[in-house]
Amino acid sequence: MKIVELDIKLPYEKRGKILSKILSEVRGKIKDIHFLPPTSKGISEIRMEVAEENVQKLLEDIKKIVRDGKISFKVLSEA
């Protein structure tokens, strides 16, 4: 099991709709989540730590959901 930090940047007006779909994918696996305020350009940032076995599949699924935003990730630990 790996703990991965996902950094998701997406438009503020679409945040609720997209976030509900993402949470349905990772429900029960979230260790920590932070919502940062939107920038002056209207981009909202969400950072979440997720415990996941198959990180590549998780990233593929989230990239399909977040089309208008950007996703970056970093593996924090492997257990």
PDB file of N, CA and C in Angstrom:
ATOM      1  N   MET A   1       0.841  -1.173   0.000  1.00  0.00           N
ATOM      2  CA  MET A   1       0.000   0.000   0.000  1.00  0.00           C
ATOM      3  C   MET A   1       0.887   1.237   0.000  1.00  0.00           C
ATOM      4  N   LYS A   2       0.539   2.212  -0.824  1.00  0.00           N
ATOM      5  CA  LYS A   2       1.293   3.449  -0.931  1.00  0.00           C
ATOM      6  C   LYS A   2       0.426   4.612  -0.477  1.00  0.00           C
ATOM      7  N   ILE A   3       1.058   5.582   0.161  1.00  0.00           N
ATOM      8  CA  ILE A   3       0.378   6.819   0.503  1.00  0.00           C
ATOM      9  C   ILE A   3       0.834   7.859  -0.513  1.00  0.00           C
ATOM     10  N   VAL A   4      -0.134   8.412  -1.242  1.00  0.00           N
ATOM     11  CA  VAL A   4       0.136   9.319  -2.352  1.00  0.00           C
ATOM     12  C   VAL A   4      -0.505  10.666  -2.059  1.00  0.00           C
ATOM     13  N   GLU A   5       0.240  11.749  -2.337  1.00  0.00           N
ATOM     14  CA  GLU A   5      -0.329  13.085  -2.225  1.00  0.00           C
ATOM     15  C   GLU A   5      -0.743  13.544  -3.617  1.00  0.00           C
ATOM     16  N   LEU A   6      -2.023  13.836  -3.787  1.00  0.00           N
ATOM     17  CA  LEU A   6      -2.551  14.338  -5.049  1.00  0.00           C
ATOM     18  C   LEU A   6      -2.747  15.839  -4.929  1.00  0.00           C
ATOM     19  N   ASP A   7      -2.253  16.576  -5.896  1.00  0.00           N
ATOM     20  CA  ASP A   7      -2.427  18.023  -5.956  1.00  0.00           C
ATOM     21  C   ASP A   7      -3.275  18.314  -7.185  1.00  0.00           C
ATOM     22  N   ILE A   8      -4.517  18.708  -6.967  1.00  0.00           N
ATOM     23  CA  ILE A   8      -5.477  18.898  -8.052  1.00  0.00           C
ATOM     24  C   ILE A   8      -5.803  20.381  -8.164  1.00  0.00           C
ATOM     25  N   LYS A   9      -5.623  20.927  -9.358  1.00  0.00           N
ATOM     26  CA  LYS A   9      -5.971  22.321  -9.627  1.00  0.00           C
ATOM     27  C   LYS A   9      -7.080  22.325 -10.664  1.00  0.00           C
ATOM     28  N   LEU A  10      -8.196  22.985 -10.332  1.00  0.00           N
ATOM     29  CA  LEU A  10      -9.324  23.014 -11.236  1.00  0.00           C
ATOM     30  C   LEU A  10     -10.097  24.312 -11.091  1.00  0.00           C
ATOM     31  N   PRO A  11     -10.923  24.636 -12.093  1.00  0.00           N
ATOM     32  CA  PRO A  11     -11.701  25.879 -12.032  1.00  0.00           C
ATOM     33  C   PRO A  11     -12.645  25.886 -10.824  1.00  0.00           C
ATOM     34  N   TYR A  12     -12.714  27.030 -10.158  1.00  0.00           N
ATOM     35  CA  TYR A  12     -13.492  27.141  -8.925  1.00  0.00           C
ATOM     36  C   TYR A  12     -14.976  26.839  -9.146  1.00  0.00           C
ATOM     37  N   GLU A  13     -15.542  27.298 -10.254  1.00  0.00           N
ATOM     38  CA  GLU A  13     -16.979  27.115 -10.470  1.00  0.00           C
ATOM     39  C   GLU A  13     -17.353  25.656 -10.732  1.00  0.00           C
ATOM     40  N   LYS A  14     -16.399  24.817 -11.127  1.00  0.00           N
ATOM     41  CA  LYS A  14     -16.679  23.399 -11.385  1.00  0.00           C
ATOM     42  C   LYS A  14     -16.202  22.497 -10.254  1.00  0.00           C
ATOM     43  N   ARG A  15     -15.669  23.087  -9.191  1.00  0.00           N
ATOM     44  CA  ARG A  15     -15.041  22.319  -8.121  1.00  0.00           C
ATOM     45  C   ARG A  15     -15.985  21.335  -7.450  1.00  0.00           C
ATOM     46  N   GLY A  16     -17.184  21.752  -7.101  1.00  0.00           N
ATOM     47  CA  GLY A  16     -18.113  20.882  -6.387  1.00  0.00           C
ATOM     48  C   GLY A  16     -18.521  19.662  -7.181  1.00  0.00           C
ATOM     49  N   LYS A  17     -18.842  19.873  -8.443  1.00  0.00           N
ATOM     50  CA  LYS A  17     -19.285  18.773  -9.299  1.00  0.00           C
ATOM     51  C   LYS A  17     -18.161  17.751  -9.510  1.00  0.00           C
ATOM     52  N   ILE A  18     -16.962  18.248  -9.787  1.00  0.00           N
ATOM     53  CA  ILE A  18     -15.816  17.365 -10.036  1.00  0.00           C
ATOM     54  C   ILE A  18     -15.378  16.670  -8.754  1.00  0.00           C
ATOM     55  N   LEU A  19     -15.376  17.415  -7.651  1.00  0.00           N
ATOM     56  CA  LEU A  19     -14.918  16.845  -6.385  1.00  0.00           C
ATOM     57  C   LEU A  19     -15.826  15.719  -5.906  1.00  0.00           C
ATOM     58  N   SER A  20     -17.122  15.824  -6.135  1.00  0.00           N
ATOM     59  CA  SER A  20     -18.025  14.750  -5.724  1.00  0.00           C
ATOM     60  C   SER A  20     -17.724  13.462  -6.485  1.00  0.00           C
ATOM     61  N   LYS A  21     -17.353  13.580  -7.763  1.00  0.00           N
ATOM     62  CA  LYS A  21     -16.989  12.389  -8.544  1.00  0.00           C
ATOM     63  C   LYS A  21     -15.668  11.798  -8.065  1.00  0.00           C
ATOM     64  N   ILE A  22     -14.710  12.659  -7.734  1.00  0.00           N
ATOM     65  CA  ILE A  22     -13.412  12.177  -7.246  1.00  0.00           C
ATOM     66  C   ILE A  22     -13.589  11.467  -5.913  1.00  0.00           C
ATOM     67  N   LEU A  23     -14.395  12.048  -5.021  1.00  0.00           N
ATOM     68  CA  LEU A  23     -14.594  11.438  -3.712  1.00  0.00           C
ATOM     69  C   LEU A  23     -15.298  10.090  -3.799  1.00  0.00           C
ATOM     70  N   SER A  24     -16.132   9.897  -4.809  1.00  0.00           N
ATOM     71  CA  SER A  24     -16.756   8.586  -4.974  1.00  0.00           C
ATOM     72  C   SER A  24     -15.718   7.534  -5.363  1.00  0.00           C
ATOM     73  N   GLU A  25     -14.633   7.953  -6.039  1.00  0.00           N
ATOM     74  CA  GLU A  25     -13.543   7.039  -6.416  1.00  0.00           C
ATOM     75  C   GLU A  25     -12.674   6.662  -5.209  1.00  0.00           C
ATOM     76  N   VAL A  26     -12.391   7.628  -4.336  1.00  0.00           N
ATOM     77  CA  VAL A  26     -11.416   7.402  -3.260  1.00  0.00           C
ATOM     78  C   VAL A  26     -12.053   7.337  -1.875  1.00  0.00           C
ATOM     79  N   ARG A  27     -13.353   7.170  -1.811  1.00  0.00           N
ATOM     80  CA  ARG A  27     -14.032   7.129  -0.514  1.00  0.00           C
ATOM     81  C   ARG A  27     -13.459   6.028   0.375  1.00  0.00           C
ATOM     82  N   GLY A  28     -13.133   6.389   1.599  1.00  0.00           N
ATOM     83  CA  GLY A  28     -12.576   5.440   2.551  1.00  0.00           C
ATOM     84  C   GLY A  28     -11.065   5.308   2.480  1.00  0.00           C
ATOM     85  N   LYS A  29     -10.421   5.915   1.507  1.00  0.00           N
ATOM     86  CA  LYS A  29      -8.978   5.809   1.345  1.00  0.00           C
ATOM     87  C   LYS A  29      -8.268   7.117   1.671  1.00  0.00           C
ATOM     88  N   ILE A  30      -9.019   8.193   1.922  1.00  0.00           N
ATOM     89  CA  ILE A  30      -8.433   9.513   2.155  1.00  0.00           C
ATOM     90  C   ILE A  30      -7.866   9.586   3.573  1.00  0.00           C
ATOM     91  N   LYS A  31      -6.605   9.993   3.661  1.00  0.00           N
ATOM     92  CA  LYS A  31      -5.957  10.179   4.954  1.00  0.00           C
ATOM     93  C   LYS A  31      -6.048  11.633   5.416  1.00  0.00           C
ATOM     94  N   ASP A  32      -5.895  12.582   4.473  1.00  0.00           N
ATOM     95  CA  ASP A  32      -5.900  14.002   4.797  1.00  0.00           C
ATOM     96  C   ASP A  32      -6.318  14.768   3.546  1.00  0.00           C
ATOM     97  N   ILE A  33      -7.020  15.886   3.739  1.00  0.00           N
ATOM     98  CA  ILE A  33      -7.433  16.693   2.593  1.00  0.00           C
ATOM     99  C   ILE A  33      -7.399  18.172   2.992  1.00  0.00           C
ATOM    100  N   HIS A  34      -6.917  19.011   2.071  1.00  0.00           N
ATOM    101  CA  HIS A  34      -6.837  20.453   2.287  1.00  0.00           C
ATOM    102  C   HIS A  34      -7.422  21.166   1.079  1.00  0.00           C
ATOM    103  N   PHE A  35      -8.260  22.170   1.346  1.00  0.00           N
ATOM    104  CA  PHE A  35      -8.827  23.007   0.300  1.00  0.00           C
ATOM    105  C   PHE A  35      -8.172  24.377   0.404  1.00  0.00           C
ATOM    106  N   LEU A  36      -7.496  24.796  -0.653  1.00  0.00           N
ATOM    107  CA  LEU A  36      -6.864  26.101  -0.666  1.00  0.00           C
ATOM    108  C   LEU A  36      -7.788  27.088  -1.370  1.00  0.00           C
ATOM    109  N   PRO A  37      -7.767  28.352  -0.963  1.00  0.00           N
ATOM    110  CA  PRO A  37      -8.665  29.341  -1.594  1.00  0.00           C
ATOM    111  C   PRO A  37      -8.309  29.555  -3.060  1.00  0.00           C
ATOM    112  N   PRO A  38      -9.286  29.985  -3.852  1.00  0.00           N
ATOM    113  CA  PRO A  38      -9.018  30.187  -5.277  1.00  0.00           C
ATOM    114  C   PRO A  38      -8.056  31.350  -5.525  1.00  0.00           C
ATOM    115  N   THR A  39      -7.313  31.253  -6.610  1.00  0.00           N
ATOM    116  CA  THR A  39      -6.402  32.322  -6.999  1.00  0.00           C
ATOM    117  C   THR A  39      -7.198  33.438  -7.674  1.00  0.00           C
ATOM    118  N   SER A  40      -6.511  34.500  -8.036  1.00  0.00           N
ATOM    119  CA  SER A  40      -7.174  35.618  -8.705  1.00  0.00           C
ATOM    120  C   SER A  40      -7.668  35.216 -10.097  1.00  0.00           C
ATOM    121  N   LYS A  41      -7.132  34.132 -10.640  1.00  0.00           N
ATOM    122  CA  LYS A  41      -7.566  33.631 -11.952  1.00  0.00           C
ATOM    123  C   LYS A  41      -8.717  32.635 -11.847  1.00  0.00           C
ATOM    124  N   GLY A  42      -9.171  32.334 -10.618  1.00  0.00           N
ATOM    125  CA  GLY A  42     -10.304  31.433 -10.427  1.00  0.00           C
ATOM    126  C   GLY A  42      -9.936  29.964 -10.388  1.00  0.00           C
ATOM    127  N   ILE A  43      -8.683  29.659 -10.071  1.00  0.00           N
ATOM    128  CA  ILE A  43      -8.231  28.266  -9.997  1.00  0.00           C
ATOM    129  C   ILE A  43      -8.184  27.846  -8.527  1.00  0.00           C
ATOM    130  N   SER A  44      -8.888  26.794  -8.194  1.00  0.00           N
ATOM    131  CA  SER A  44      -8.921  26.264  -6.843  1.00  0.00           C
ATOM    132  C   SER A  44      -7.958  25.086  -6.745  1.00  0.00           C
ATOM    133  N   GLU A  45      -7.322  24.927  -5.591  1.00  0.00           N
ATOM    134  CA  GLU A  45      -6.360  23.847  -5.400  1.00  0.00           C
ATOM    135  C   GLU A  45      -6.807  22.955  -4.251  1.00  0.00           C
ATOM    136  N   ILE A  46      -6.723  21.658  -4.486  1.00  0.00           N
ATOM    137  CA  ILE A  46      -7.095  20.657  -3.490  1.00  0.00           C
ATOM    138  C   ILE A  46      -5.915  19.714  -3.332  1.00  0.00           C
ATOM    139  N   ARG A  47      -5.487  19.507  -2.088  1.00  0.00           N
ATOM    140  CA  ARG A  47      -4.419  18.547  -1.819  1.00  0.00           C
ATOM    141  C   ARG A  47      -4.986  17.458  -0.933  1.00  0.00           C
ATOM    142  N   MET A  48      -4.796  16.222  -1.364  1.00  0.00           N
ATOM    143  CA  MET A  48      -5.288  15.110  -0.554  1.00  0.00           C
ATOM    144  C   MET A  48      -4.262  13.989  -0.513  1.00  0.00           C
ATOM    145  N   GLU A  49      -4.208  13.353   0.639  1.00  0.00           N
ATOM    146  CA  GLU A  49      -3.365  12.180   0.819  1.00  0.00           C
ATOM    147  C   GLU A  49      -4.275  10.961   0.772  1.00  0.00           C
ATOM    148  N   VAL A  50      -3.904  10.013  -0.072  1.00  0.00           N
ATOM    149  CA  VAL A  50      -4.731   8.838  -0.314  1.00  0.00           C
ATOM    150  C   VAL A  50      -3.884   7.585  -0.142  1.00  0.00           C
ATOM    151  N   ALA A  51      -4.422   6.579   0.536  1.00  0.00           N
ATOM    152  CA  ALA A  51      -3.772   5.272   0.649  1.00  0.00           C
ATOM    153  C   ALA A  51      -4.320   4.398  -0.472  1.00  0.00           C
ATOM    154  N   GLU A  52      -3.439   3.937  -1.354  1.00  0.00           N
ATOM    155  CA  GLU A  52      -3.886   3.222  -2.547  1.00  0.00           C
ATOM    156  C   GLU A  52      -2.913   2.106  -2.898  1.00  0.00           C
ATOM    157  N   GLU A  53      -3.445   0.984  -3.373  1.00  0.00           N
ATOM    158  CA  GLU A  53      -2.630  -0.126  -3.853  1.00  0.00           C
ATOM    159  C   GLU A  53      -2.154   0.130  -5.284  1.00  0.00           C
ATOM    160  N   ASN A  54      -3.089   0.455  -6.164  1.00  0.00           N
ATOM    161  CA  ASN A  54      -2.789   0.625  -7.580  1.00  0.00           C
ATOM    162  C   ASN A  54      -2.852   2.120  -7.928  1.00  0.00           C
ATOM    163  N   VAL A  55      -1.723   2.802  -7.823  1.00  0.00           N
ATOM    164  CA  VAL A  55      -1.659   4.248  -8.011  1.00  0.00           C
ATOM    165  C   VAL A  55      -1.909   4.634  -9.461  1.00  0.00           C
ATOM    166  N   GLN A  56      -1.385   3.876 -10.411  1.00  0.00           N
ATOM    167  CA  GLN A  56      -1.556   4.210 -11.817  1.00  0.00           C
ATOM    168  C   GLN A  56      -3.030   4.183 -12.237  1.00  0.00           C
ATOM    169  N   LYS A  57      -3.771   3.192 -11.778  1.00  0.00           N
ATOM    170  CA  LYS A  57      -5.193   3.106 -12.103  1.00  0.00           C
ATOM    171  C   LYS A  57      -5.952   4.268 -11.476  1.00  0.00           C
ATOM    172  N   LEU A  58      -5.606   4.631 -10.253  1.00  0.00           N
ATOM    173  CA  LEU A  58      -6.247   5.760  -9.591  1.00  0.00           C
ATOM    174  C   LEU A  58      -6.013   7.053 -10.374  1.00  0.00           C
ATOM    175  N   LEU A  59      -4.784   7.272 -10.820  1.00  0.00           N
ATOM    176  CA  LEU A  59      -4.468   8.476 -11.588  1.00  0.00           C
ATOM    177  C   LEU A  59      -5.209   8.504 -12.923  1.00  0.00           C
ATOM    178  N   GLU A  60      -5.308   7.376 -13.594  1.00  0.00           N
ATOM    179  CA  GLU A  60      -6.040   7.307 -14.861  1.00  0.00           C
ATOM    180  C   GLU A  60      -7.513   7.644 -14.647  1.00  0.00           C
ATOM    181  N   ASP A  61      -8.105   7.113 -13.583  1.00  0.00           N
ATOM    182  CA  ASP A  61      -9.513   7.377 -13.304  1.00  0.00           C
ATOM    183  C   ASP A  61      -9.743   8.849 -12.974  1.00  0.00           C
ATOM    184  N   ILE A  62      -8.864   9.438 -12.192  1.00  0.00           N
ATOM    185  CA  ILE A  62      -9.022  10.839 -11.804  1.00  0.00           C
ATOM    186  C   ILE A  62      -8.774  11.762 -12.993  1.00  0.00           C
ATOM    187  N   LYS A  63      -7.828  11.422 -13.862  1.00  0.00           N
ATOM    188  CA  LYS A  63      -7.579  12.246 -15.046  1.00  0.00           C
ATOM    189  C   LYS A  63      -8.779  12.264 -15.977  1.00  0.00           C
ATOM    190  N   LYS A  64      -9.543  11.165 -16.021  1.00  0.00           N
ATOM    191  CA  LYS A  64     -10.755  11.136 -16.830  1.00  0.00           C
ATOM    192  C   LYS A  64     -11.820  12.077 -16.259  1.00  0.00           C
ATOM    193  N   ILE A  65     -11.852  12.203 -14.938  1.00  0.00           N
ATOM    194  CA  ILE A  65     -12.837  13.061 -14.281  1.00  0.00           C
ATOM    195  C   ILE A  65     -12.439  14.533 -14.399  1.00  0.00           C
ATOM    196  N   VAL A  66     -11.156  14.828 -14.160  1.00  0.00           N
ATOM    197  CA  VAL A  66     -10.664  16.208 -14.168  1.00  0.00           C
ATOM    198  C   VAL A  66     -10.103  16.514 -15.550  1.00  0.00           C
ATOM    199  N   ARG A  67     -10.941  16.998 -16.425  1.00  0.00           N
ATOM    200  CA  ARG A  67     -10.489  17.296 -17.781  1.00  0.00           C
ATOM    201  C   ARG A  67      -9.956  18.716 -17.892  1.00  0.00           C
ATOM    202  N   ASP A  68     -10.593  19.670 -17.197  1.00  0.00           N
ATOM    203  CA  ASP A  68     -10.220  21.072 -17.309  1.00  0.00           C
ATOM    204  C   ASP A  68      -9.117  21.476 -16.339  1.00  0.00           C
ATOM    205  N   GLY A  69      -8.663  20.576 -15.492  1.00  0.00           N
ATOM    206  CA  GLY A  69      -7.673  20.915 -14.485  1.00  0.00           C
ATOM    207  C   GLY A  69      -6.372  20.180 -14.678  1.00  0.00           C
ATOM    208  N   LYS A  70      -5.515  20.318 -13.668  1.00  0.00           N
ATOM    209  CA  LYS A  70      -4.216  19.653 -13.683  1.00  0.00           C
ATOM    210  C   LYS A  70      -4.082  18.793 -12.434  1.00  0.00           C
ATOM    211  N   ILE A  71      -3.378  17.677 -12.598  1.00  0.00           N
ATOM    212  CA  ILE A  71      -3.139  16.769 -11.482  1.00  0.00           C
ATOM    213  C   ILE A  71      -1.649  16.500 -11.397  1.00  0.00           C
ATOM    214  N   SER A  72      -1.120  16.607 -10.198  1.00  0.00           N
ATOM    215  CA  SER A  72       0.248  16.166  -9.954  1.00  0.00           C
ATOM    216  C   SER A  72       0.204  15.274  -8.712  1.00  0.00           C
ATOM    217  N   PHE A  73       1.178  14.397  -8.612  1.00  0.00           N
ATOM    218  CA  PHE A  73       1.182  13.494  -7.467  1.00  0.00           C
ATOM    219  C   PHE A  73       2.607  13.250  -7.007  1.00  0.00           C
ATOM    220  N   LYS A  74       2.688  12.780  -5.770  1.00  0.00           N
ATOM    221  CA  LYS A  74       3.970  12.441  -5.193  1.00  0.00           C
ATOM    222  C   LYS A  74       3.731  11.304  -4.211  1.00  0.00           C
ATOM    223  N   VAL A  75       4.565  10.273  -4.291  1.00  0.00           N
ATOM    224  CA  VAL A  75       4.459   9.133  -3.387  1.00  0.00           C
ATOM    225  C   VAL A  75       5.157   9.523  -2.089  1.00  0.00           C
ATOM    226  N   LEU A  76       4.399   9.512  -0.986  1.00  0.00           N
ATOM    227  CA  LEU A  76       4.967   9.896   0.301  1.00  0.00           C
ATOM    228  C   LEU A  76       5.613   8.723   1.024  1.00  0.00           C
ATOM    229  N   SER A  77       4.965   7.558   0.967  1.00  0.00           N
ATOM    230  CA  SER A  77       5.547   6.380   1.618  1.00  0.00           C
ATOM    231  C   SER A  77       4.977   5.114   0.995  1.00  0.00           C
ATOM    232  N   GLU A  78       5.727   4.053   1.154  1.00  0.00           N
ATOM    233  CA  GLU A  78       5.279   2.735   0.713  1.00  0.00           C
ATOM    234  C   GLU A  78       5.236   1.850   1.932  1.00  0.00           C
ATOM    235  N   ALA A  79       4.098   1.208   2.150  1.00  0.00           N
ATOM    236  CA  ALA A  79       3.956   0.355   3.328  1.00  0.00           C
ATOM    237  C   ALA A  79       3.631  -1.057   2.926  1.00  0.00           C
TER     238      ALA A  79
END
